[in-house]
Amino acid sequence: MDLLSWVGVTPDNSRVYRIMKNDATRMFIDGQADCLIYAFGHGHAKLKEITTARKVRFLPTDDANVKKFIEKYPFYTSEKFGSEFGVPDEQQFISPYFIACLDTLPADQAYEFTKVWWENWKFLEEALPSNVPYINRNNPKGDLPFPLHPGSEKYFKEKGIIK
């Protein structure tokens, strides 16, 4: 809502839906939605699908709002992109890719999940080609908005990926 309010969109003058990416993509392509805010990386396949089906523009934001947003949400960064979709480059917010779980997940299960994910990188590159380039393999702890699960942290430490 912070982002929308900068361009005058509020719950009082719009209908805001929080829906799954596939549904939002289809609604936008079919003309049932006029605006989308996506919470995923700029190389994501859904953005590519949208920009091939409809004329799209990324809304610009000014430096003061970018600074204000990143101060409030420090796990985001900002960079210009858009030309990869055939639209002018504009400053966009980017967050790290991560998988979240409850802290009640047993450590051994989080460890095994992390191991399976991390040790099958070739499969991930084939299954998620537009996402994998943005996963921080050198520092999976990176700028996450919350701590790593102890099971995942144990795996990364054992493999020497983090200290």
N, C-alpha and C. Protein backbone atom coordinates (compact mmCIF):
# COMPACT_ATOMS: atom_id res chain seq x y z
N MET A 1 0.83 -1.20 0.00
CA MET A 1 0.00 0.00 0.00
C MET A 1 0.87 1.26 0.00
N ASP A 2 2.07 1.17 0.62
CA ASP A 2 2.98 2.32 0.58
C ASP A 2 3.25 2.73 -0.87
N LEU A 3 3.60 1.75 -1.70
CA LEU A 3 3.92 2.05 -3.09
C LEU A 3 2.73 2.64 -3.83
N LEU A 4 1.57 2.06 -3.64
CA LEU A 4 0.37 2.57 -4.32
C LEU A 4 0.02 3.98 -3.86
N SER A 5 0.17 4.25 -2.58
CA SER A 5 -0.20 5.57 -2.07
C SER A 5 0.65 6.68 -2.68
N TRP A 6 1.87 6.37 -3.11
CA TRP A 6 2.73 7.40 -3.71
C TRP A 6 2.17 7.92 -5.02
N VAL A 7 1.34 7.10 -5.69
CA VAL A 7 0.75 7.54 -6.95
C VAL A 7 -0.75 7.79 -6.80
N GLY A 8 -1.20 7.96 -5.54
CA GLY A 8 -2.58 8.36 -5.29
C GLY A 8 -3.58 7.23 -5.20
N VAL A 9 -3.14 5.99 -5.21
CA VAL A 9 -4.05 4.87 -5.12
C VAL A 9 -4.22 4.49 -3.65
N THR A 10 -5.46 4.49 -3.20
CA THR A 10 -5.76 4.12 -1.81
C THR A 10 -6.93 3.15 -1.80
N PRO A 11 -7.17 2.48 -0.69
CA PRO A 11 -8.35 1.61 -0.61
C PRO A 11 -9.66 2.38 -0.78
N ASP A 12 -9.63 3.70 -0.55
CA ASP A 12 -10.85 4.50 -0.70
C ASP A 12 -11.21 4.78 -2.15
N ASN A 13 -10.21 4.78 -3.05
CA ASN A 13 -10.51 5.11 -4.45
C ASN A 13 -10.25 3.95 -5.41
N SER A 14 -9.96 2.77 -4.88
CA SER A 14 -9.64 1.62 -5.72
C SER A 14 -10.08 0.33 -5.05
N ARG A 15 -10.14 -0.70 -5.85
CA ARG A 15 -10.32 -2.04 -5.29
C ARG A 15 -8.96 -2.72 -5.34
N VAL A 16 -8.45 -3.09 -4.19
CA VAL A 16 -7.15 -3.73 -4.10
C VAL A 16 -7.38 -5.20 -3.78
N TYR A 17 -6.82 -6.07 -4.63
CA TYR A 17 -6.93 -7.51 -4.43
C TYR A 17 -5.56 -8.08 -4.14
N ARG A 18 -5.51 -8.96 -3.21
CA ARG A 18 -4.28 -9.70 -2.92
C ARG A 18 -4.52 -11.12 -3.41
N ILE A 19 -3.99 -11.41 -4.59
CA ILE A 19 -4.25 -12.71 -5.21
C ILE A 19 -2.95 -13.34 -5.70
N MET A 20 -3.03 -14.59 -6.04
CA MET A 20 -1.86 -15.35 -6.49
C MET A 20 -1.37 -14.82 -7.84
N LYS A 21 -0.07 -14.99 -8.09
CA LYS A 21 0.56 -14.46 -9.30
C LYS A 21 -0.11 -14.94 -10.58
N ASN A 22 -0.43 -16.24 -10.66
CA ASN A 22 -1.04 -16.76 -11.88
C ASN A 22 -2.38 -16.09 -12.16
N ASP A 23 -3.19 -15.94 -11.12
CA ASP A 23 -4.49 -15.29 -11.29
C ASP A 23 -4.32 -13.82 -11.65
N ALA A 24 -3.39 -13.15 -10.99
CA ALA A 24 -3.16 -11.73 -11.27
C ALA A 24 -2.67 -11.54 -12.70
N THR A 25 -1.78 -12.40 -13.13
CA THR A 25 -1.26 -12.31 -14.50
C THR A 25 -2.40 -12.45 -15.50
N ARG A 26 -3.22 -13.45 -15.31
CA ARG A 26 -4.33 -13.68 -16.24
C ARG A 26 -5.32 -12.52 -16.21
N MET A 27 -5.64 -12.01 -15.02
CA MET A 27 -6.56 -10.89 -14.92
C MET A 27 -6.01 -9.65 -15.62
N PHE A 28 -4.71 -9.40 -15.49
CA PHE A 28 -4.11 -8.25 -16.15
C PHE A 28 -4.11 -8.43 -17.66
N ILE A 29 -3.72 -9.59 -18.13
CA ILE A 29 -3.69 -9.86 -19.57
C ILE A 29 -5.09 -9.75 -20.16
N ASP A 30 -6.09 -10.25 -19.42
CA ASP A 30 -7.48 -10.21 -19.91
C ASP A 30 -8.16 -8.86 -19.72
N GLY A 31 -7.46 -7.87 -19.14
CA GLY A 31 -8.03 -6.55 -18.95
C GLY A 31 -8.92 -6.42 -17.73
N GLN A 32 -8.89 -7.38 -16.82
CA GLN A 32 -9.70 -7.31 -15.61
C GLN A 32 -9.01 -6.53 -14.50
N ALA A 33 -7.73 -6.24 -14.68
CA ALA A 33 -6.96 -5.45 -13.71
C ALA A 33 -6.15 -4.42 -14.48
N ASP A 34 -6.05 -3.23 -13.91
CA ASP A 34 -5.34 -2.13 -14.57
C ASP A 34 -3.91 -1.97 -14.07
N CYS A 35 -3.61 -2.52 -12.92
CA CYS A 35 -2.31 -2.31 -12.30
C CYS A 35 -1.93 -3.55 -11.50
N LEU A 36 -0.67 -3.89 -11.52
CA LEU A 36 -0.17 -5.00 -10.71
C LEU A 36 1.05 -4.55 -9.93
N ILE A 37 1.14 -5.00 -8.72
CA ILE A 37 2.38 -4.87 -7.96
C ILE A 37 2.81 -6.28 -7.65
N TYR A 38 3.96 -6.64 -8.17
CA TYR A 38 4.48 -7.99 -7.97
C TYR A 38 5.56 -7.97 -6.93
N ALA A 39 5.58 -9.00 -6.13
CA ALA A 39 6.63 -9.16 -5.14
C ALA A 39 7.52 -10.32 -5.56
N PHE A 40 8.15 -10.17 -6.72
CA PHE A 40 9.14 -11.14 -7.16
C PHE A 40 10.12 -10.47 -8.08
N GLY A 41 11.19 -11.17 -8.38
CA GLY A 41 12.32 -10.60 -9.11
C GLY A 41 12.01 -10.16 -10.52
N HIS A 42 12.86 -9.25 -11.00
CA HIS A 42 12.60 -8.64 -12.29
C HIS A 42 12.80 -9.58 -13.47
N GLY A 43 13.39 -10.73 -13.29
CA GLY A 43 13.54 -11.68 -14.38
C GLY A 43 12.43 -12.71 -14.42
N HIS A 44 11.45 -12.57 -13.55
CA HIS A 44 10.41 -13.58 -13.39
C HIS A 44 9.62 -13.80 -14.68
N ALA A 45 9.30 -15.06 -14.95
CA ALA A 45 8.59 -15.43 -16.17
C ALA A 45 7.23 -14.77 -16.29
N LYS A 46 6.54 -14.50 -15.18
CA LYS A 46 5.22 -13.87 -15.26
C LYS A 46 5.32 -12.45 -15.82
N LEU A 47 6.38 -11.74 -15.48
CA LEU A 47 6.56 -10.41 -16.07
C LEU A 47 6.79 -10.51 -17.57
N LYS A 48 7.53 -11.51 -17.97
CA LYS A 48 7.76 -11.72 -19.41
C LYS A 48 6.46 -12.04 -20.12
N GLU A 49 5.63 -12.87 -19.49
CA GLU A 49 4.33 -13.22 -20.07
C GLU A 49 3.45 -11.99 -20.23
N ILE A 50 3.41 -11.17 -19.21
CA ILE A 50 2.58 -9.97 -19.24
C ILE A 50 3.04 -9.00 -20.33
N THR A 51 4.33 -8.77 -20.42
CA THR A 51 4.83 -7.76 -21.36
C THR A 51 4.76 -8.21 -22.81
N THR A 52 4.59 -9.50 -23.04
CA THR A 52 4.38 -9.94 -24.42
C THR A 52 2.90 -9.91 -24.80
N ALA A 53 2.01 -9.89 -23.80
CA ALA A 53 0.58 -9.92 -24.07
C ALA A 53 -0.07 -8.54 -24.08
N ARG A 54 0.51 -7.58 -23.35
CA ARG A 54 -0.09 -6.26 -23.21
C ARG A 54 0.97 -5.19 -23.17
N LYS A 55 0.59 -4.00 -23.56
CA LYS A 55 1.50 -2.87 -23.44
C LYS A 55 1.64 -2.53 -21.95
N VAL A 56 2.87 -2.45 -21.48
CA VAL A 56 3.14 -2.27 -20.06
C VAL A 56 4.13 -1.13 -19.87
N ARG A 57 3.97 -0.43 -18.76
CA ARG A 57 5.01 0.52 -18.36
C ARG A 57 5.21 0.37 -16.86
N PHE A 58 6.46 0.47 -16.46
CA PHE A 58 6.77 0.46 -15.04
C PHE A 58 6.66 1.88 -14.55
N LEU A 59 6.01 2.09 -13.43
CA LEU A 59 5.86 3.43 -12.89
C LEU A 59 7.16 3.90 -12.25
N PRO A 60 7.59 5.10 -12.60
CA PRO A 60 8.81 5.63 -11.97
C PRO A 60 8.52 6.08 -10.54
N THR A 61 9.56 6.17 -9.77
CA THR A 61 9.44 6.68 -8.41
C THR A 61 10.59 7.64 -8.17
N ASP A 62 10.39 8.58 -7.31
CA ASP A 62 11.46 9.56 -7.09
C ASP A 62 12.42 9.07 -6.01
N ASP A 63 13.61 9.67 -5.98
CA ASP A 63 14.66 9.25 -5.05
C ASP A 63 14.23 9.33 -3.59
N ALA A 64 13.45 10.34 -3.23
CA ALA A 64 13.02 10.48 -1.84
C ALA A 64 12.14 9.32 -1.42
N ASN A 65 11.23 8.89 -2.30
CA ASN A 65 10.37 7.76 -1.98
C ASN A 65 11.16 6.45 -1.94
N VAL A 66 12.12 6.31 -2.84
CA VAL A 66 12.97 5.11 -2.83
C VAL A 66 13.70 5.02 -1.49
N LYS A 67 14.28 6.13 -1.07
CA LYS A 67 15.02 6.15 0.20
C LYS A 67 14.10 5.82 1.37
N LYS A 68 12.91 6.43 1.36
CA LYS A 68 11.94 6.20 2.44
C LYS A 68 11.52 4.72 2.49
N PHE A 69 11.27 4.15 1.34
CA PHE A 69 10.84 2.75 1.27
C PHE A 69 11.94 1.81 1.76
N ILE A 70 13.17 2.02 1.31
CA ILE A 70 14.28 1.15 1.70
C ILE A 70 14.61 1.31 3.18
N GLU A 71 14.43 2.48 3.73
CA GLU A 71 14.62 2.65 5.18
C GLU A 71 13.58 1.83 5.96
N LYS A 72 12.36 1.79 5.44
CA LYS A 72 11.29 1.04 6.11
C LYS A 72 11.43 -0.47 5.87
N TYR A 73 11.89 -0.84 4.67
CA TYR A 73 12.04 -2.25 4.28
C TYR A 73 13.48 -2.48 3.81
N PRO A 74 14.42 -2.60 4.75
CA PRO A 74 15.85 -2.61 4.39
C PRO A 74 16.32 -3.85 3.63
N PHE A 75 15.48 -4.86 3.49
CA PHE A 75 15.89 -6.04 2.73
C PHE A 75 15.68 -5.84 1.22
N TYR A 76 15.13 -4.69 0.82
CA TYR A 76 15.01 -4.37 -0.59
C TYR A 76 16.22 -3.57 -1.06
N THR A 77 16.51 -3.71 -2.34
CA THR A 77 17.47 -2.84 -3.01
C THR A 77 16.71 -2.21 -4.17
N SER A 78 17.38 -1.35 -4.90
CA SER A 78 16.72 -0.68 -6.01
C SER A 78 17.68 -0.59 -7.19
N GLU A 79 17.17 -0.89 -8.37
CA GLU A 79 17.97 -0.73 -9.58
C GLU A 79 17.04 -0.47 -10.75
N LYS A 80 17.61 0.05 -11.82
CA LYS A 80 16.81 0.32 -13.01
C LYS A 80 16.74 -0.92 -13.88
N PHE A 81 15.55 -1.23 -14.35
CA PHE A 81 15.37 -2.27 -15.35
C PHE A 81 14.05 -2.07 -16.06
N GLY A 82 13.84 -2.82 -17.09
CA GLY A 82 12.64 -2.73 -17.90
C GLY A 82 12.93 -3.06 -19.35
N SER A 83 14.12 -2.65 -19.82
CA SER A 83 14.43 -2.85 -21.23
C SER A 83 14.42 -4.33 -21.62
N GLU A 84 14.67 -5.22 -20.66
CA GLU A 84 14.62 -6.65 -20.98
C GLU A 84 13.20 -7.08 -21.35
N PHE A 85 12.20 -6.26 -21.02
CA PHE A 85 10.81 -6.54 -21.36
C PHE A 85 10.29 -5.64 -22.49
N GLY A 86 11.18 -4.85 -23.06
CA GLY A 86 10.77 -3.98 -24.15
C GLY A 86 10.11 -2.69 -23.70
N VAL A 87 10.30 -2.30 -22.45
CA VAL A 87 9.76 -1.05 -21.94
C VAL A 87 10.93 -0.22 -21.39
N PRO A 88 10.75 1.10 -21.25
CA PRO A 88 11.85 1.91 -20.74
C PRO A 88 12.28 1.50 -19.33
N ASP A 89 13.57 1.57 -19.09
CA ASP A 89 14.10 1.27 -17.75
C ASP A 89 13.56 2.28 -16.75
N GLU A 90 13.16 1.79 -15.59
CA GLU A 90 12.73 2.62 -14.47
C GLU A 90 13.29 2.01 -13.20
N GLN A 91 13.44 2.83 -12.18
CA GLN A 91 13.92 2.36 -10.89
C GLN A 91 12.90 1.39 -10.30
N GLN A 92 13.34 0.21 -9.91
CA GLN A 92 12.44 -0.82 -9.36
C GLN A 92 13.02 -1.37 -8.07
N PHE A 93 12.16 -1.86 -7.22
CA PHE A 93 12.58 -2.48 -5.98
C PHE A 93 12.81 -3.97 -6.19
N ILE A 94 13.84 -4.47 -5.56
CA ILE A 94 14.19 -5.88 -5.68
C ILE A 94 14.42 -6.43 -4.28
N SER A 95 13.88 -7.61 -4.02
CA SER A 95 14.12 -8.26 -2.73
C SER A 95 14.82 -9.58 -2.98
N PRO A 96 15.47 -10.11 -1.96
CA PRO A 96 16.15 -11.40 -2.15
C PRO A 96 15.13 -12.53 -2.30
N TYR A 97 15.53 -13.58 -3.02
CA TYR A 97 14.72 -14.78 -3.10
C TYR A 97 14.97 -15.60 -1.86
N PHE A 98 13.92 -16.12 -1.27
CA PHE A 98 14.08 -16.97 -0.10
C PHE A 98 12.87 -17.88 0.04
N ILE A 99 13.04 -18.93 0.80
CA ILE A 99 11.94 -19.81 1.15
C ILE A 99 11.75 -19.66 2.64
N ALA A 100 10.54 -19.43 3.07
CA ALA A 100 10.25 -19.21 4.48
C ALA A 100 9.52 -20.42 5.06
N CYS A 101 9.74 -20.66 6.34
CA CYS A 101 9.03 -21.71 7.05
C CYS A 101 8.79 -21.23 8.48
N LEU A 102 7.95 -21.93 9.18
CA LEU A 102 7.72 -21.61 10.58
C LEU A 102 8.94 -22.00 11.41
N ASP A 103 9.14 -21.30 12.48
CA ASP A 103 10.27 -21.64 13.35
C ASP A 103 10.03 -22.94 14.10
N THR A 104 8.83 -23.50 14.00
CA THR A 104 8.53 -24.78 14.64
C THR A 104 8.94 -25.98 13.78
N LEU A 105 9.36 -25.74 12.54
CA LEU A 105 9.84 -26.83 11.69
C LEU A 105 11.07 -27.43 12.34
N PRO A 106 11.09 -28.76 12.55
CA PRO A 106 12.25 -29.38 13.18
C PRO A 106 13.54 -29.08 12.40
N ALA A 107 14.62 -28.88 13.13
CA ALA A 107 15.91 -28.51 12.53
C ALA A 107 16.38 -29.54 11.51
N ASP A 108 16.16 -30.83 11.79
CA ASP A 108 16.64 -31.84 10.85
C ASP A 108 15.88 -31.77 9.53
N GLN A 109 14.60 -31.41 9.56
CA GLN A 109 13.84 -31.27 8.32
C GLN A 109 14.29 -30.04 7.53
N ALA A 110 14.52 -28.93 8.22
CA ALA A 110 15.01 -27.73 7.53
C ALA A 110 16.39 -28.00 6.93
N TYR A 111 17.21 -28.73 7.64
CA TYR A 111 18.54 -29.10 7.15
C TYR A 111 18.41 -29.91 5.86
N GLU A 112 17.57 -30.96 5.88
CA GLU A 112 17.40 -31.82 4.71
C GLU A 112 16.81 -31.06 3.53
N PHE A 113 15.84 -30.20 3.79
CA PHE A 113 15.24 -29.41 2.71
C PHE A 113 16.31 -28.52 2.07
N THR A 114 17.09 -27.86 2.90
CA THR A 114 18.15 -26.98 2.41
C THR A 114 19.16 -27.77 1.60
N LYS A 115 19.53 -28.93 2.10
CA LYS A 115 20.50 -29.79 1.41
C LYS A 115 19.97 -30.20 0.04
N VAL A 116 18.74 -30.68 -0.02
CA VAL A 116 18.16 -31.11 -1.30
C VAL A 116 18.12 -29.94 -2.29
N TRP A 117 17.67 -28.79 -1.82
CA TRP A 117 17.59 -27.60 -2.66
C TRP A 117 18.98 -27.21 -3.17
N TRP A 118 19.91 -27.07 -2.26
CA TRP A 118 21.23 -26.53 -2.58
C TRP A 118 22.09 -27.49 -3.39
N GLU A 119 21.88 -28.79 -3.22
CA GLU A 119 22.72 -29.77 -3.91
C GLU A 119 22.11 -30.24 -5.23
N ASN A 120 21.04 -29.63 -5.64
CA ASN A 120 20.42 -29.95 -6.93
C ASN A 120 20.32 -28.70 -7.79
N TRP A 121 21.40 -27.96 -7.83
CA TRP A 121 21.41 -26.68 -8.51
C TRP A 121 21.12 -26.81 -10.00
N LYS A 122 21.64 -27.85 -10.65
CA LYS A 122 21.40 -28.04 -12.09
C LYS A 122 19.90 -28.19 -12.35
N PHE A 123 19.21 -28.95 -11.51
CA PHE A 123 17.76 -29.09 -11.65
C PHE A 123 17.07 -27.73 -11.48
N LEU A 124 17.50 -26.96 -10.46
CA LEU A 124 16.90 -25.64 -10.23
C LEU A 124 17.10 -24.73 -11.43
N GLU A 125 18.27 -24.77 -12.03
CA GLU A 125 18.53 -23.93 -13.21
C GLU A 125 17.59 -24.28 -14.35
N GLU A 126 17.26 -25.56 -14.48
CA GLU A 126 16.33 -25.98 -15.54
C GLU A 126 14.88 -25.68 -15.16
N ALA A 127 14.54 -25.88 -13.90
CA ALA A 127 13.15 -25.69 -13.45
C ALA A 127 12.78 -24.23 -13.23
N LEU A 128 13.74 -23.41 -12.80
CA LEU A 128 13.48 -22.00 -12.47
C LEU A 128 14.48 -21.08 -13.17
N PRO A 129 14.56 -21.15 -14.49
CA PRO A 129 15.63 -20.40 -15.19
C PRO A 129 15.58 -18.89 -14.99
N SER A 130 14.41 -18.33 -14.76
CA SER A 130 14.35 -16.88 -14.58
C SER A 130 14.56 -16.46 -13.13
N ASN A 131 14.52 -17.40 -12.20
CA ASN A 131 14.71 -17.08 -10.79
C ASN A 131 16.13 -17.33 -10.30
N VAL A 132 16.71 -18.43 -10.74
CA VAL A 132 18.01 -18.88 -10.22
C VAL A 132 19.11 -17.82 -10.32
N PRO A 133 19.17 -17.04 -11.39
CA PRO A 133 20.25 -16.05 -11.44
C PRO A 133 20.22 -15.03 -10.30
N TYR A 134 19.09 -14.89 -9.63
CA TYR A 134 18.95 -13.89 -8.58
C TYR A 134 19.04 -14.48 -7.17
N ILE A 135 19.33 -15.78 -7.08
CA ILE A 135 19.52 -16.41 -5.77
C ILE A 135 20.98 -16.22 -5.38
N ASN A 136 21.20 -15.70 -4.20
CA ASN A 136 22.55 -15.39 -3.73
C ASN A 136 23.24 -16.65 -3.24
N ARG A 137 23.99 -17.30 -4.12
CA ARG A 137 24.66 -18.56 -3.75
C ARG A 137 25.87 -18.31 -2.85
N ASN A 138 26.48 -17.14 -2.93
CA ASN A 138 27.66 -16.86 -2.13
C ASN A 138 27.32 -16.48 -0.70
N ASN A 139 26.14 -15.93 -0.51
CA ASN A 139 25.74 -15.51 0.83
C ASN A 139 24.23 -15.68 0.98
N PRO A 140 23.77 -16.93 1.19
CA PRO A 140 22.33 -17.16 1.27
C PRO A 140 21.67 -16.44 2.44
N LYS A 141 22.45 -16.05 3.43
CA LYS A 141 21.91 -15.28 4.55
C LYS A 141 21.62 -13.85 4.09
N GLY A 142 22.47 -13.35 3.22
CA GLY A 142 22.31 -12.06 2.56
C GLY A 142 21.59 -11.01 3.37
N ASP A 143 20.65 -10.38 2.72
CA ASP A 143 19.87 -9.31 3.34
C ASP A 143 18.46 -9.79 3.67
N LEU A 144 18.35 -11.02 4.14
CA LEU A 144 17.02 -11.55 4.47
C LEU A 144 16.37 -10.73 5.57
N PRO A 145 15.05 -10.61 5.52
CA PRO A 145 14.34 -9.82 6.52
C PRO A 145 14.18 -10.53 7.86
N PHE A 146 14.67 -11.77 7.96
CA PHE A 146 14.57 -12.53 9.20
C PHE A 146 15.73 -13.52 9.25
N PRO A 147 16.00 -14.11 10.41
CA PRO A 147 17.14 -15.02 10.53
C PRO A 147 16.92 -16.34 9.80
N LEU A 148 18.02 -16.99 9.44
CA LEU A 148 17.93 -18.33 8.87
C LEU A 148 17.40 -19.31 9.91
N HIS A 149 16.70 -20.33 9.44
CA HIS A 149 16.28 -21.40 10.33
C HIS A 149 17.55 -22.10 10.81
N PRO A 150 17.61 -22.52 12.09
CA PRO A 150 18.82 -23.18 12.60
C PRO A 150 19.25 -24.39 11.77
N GLY A 151 18.30 -25.15 11.22
CA GLY A 151 18.66 -26.30 10.39
C GLY A 151 19.34 -25.89 9.10
N SER A 152 18.84 -24.84 8.47
CA SER A 152 19.47 -24.33 7.25
C SER A 152 20.83 -23.73 7.55
N GLU A 153 20.88 -22.98 8.64
CA GLU A 153 22.15 -22.37 9.03
C GLU A 153 23.21 -23.44 9.28
N LYS A 154 22.84 -24.54 9.91
CA LYS A 154 23.77 -25.65 10.16
C LYS A 154 24.31 -26.20 8.84
N TYR A 155 23.43 -26.41 7.86
CA TYR A 155 23.87 -26.92 6.55
C TYR A 155 24.87 -25.95 5.91
N PHE A 156 24.51 -24.66 5.85
CA PHE A 156 25.39 -23.68 5.21
C PHE A 156 26.74 -23.58 5.92
N LYS A 157 26.75 -23.69 7.23
CA LYS A 157 28.02 -23.64 7.97
C LYS A 157 28.85 -24.88 7.70
N GLU A 158 28.22 -26.06 7.69
CA GLU A 158 28.96 -27.30 7.41
C GLU A 158 29.60 -27.28 6.02
N LYS A 159 28.94 -26.68 5.08
CA LYS A 159 29.46 -26.61 3.71
C LYS A 159 30.40 -25.44 3.50
N GLY A 160 30.58 -24.62 4.53
CA GLY A 160 31.49 -23.47 4.42
C GLY A 160 30.93 -22.32 3.61
N ILE A 161 29.61 -22.32 3.38
CA ILE A 161 28.97 -21.26 2.59
C ILE A 161 28.84 -19.99 3.42
N ILE A 162 28.57 -20.17 4.71
CA ILE A 162 28.54 -19.03 5.64
C ILE A 162 29.40 -19.38 6.85
N LYS A 163 29.79 -18.36 7.58
CA LYS A 163 30.62 -18.58 8.78
C LYS A 163 29.77 -18.69 10.01
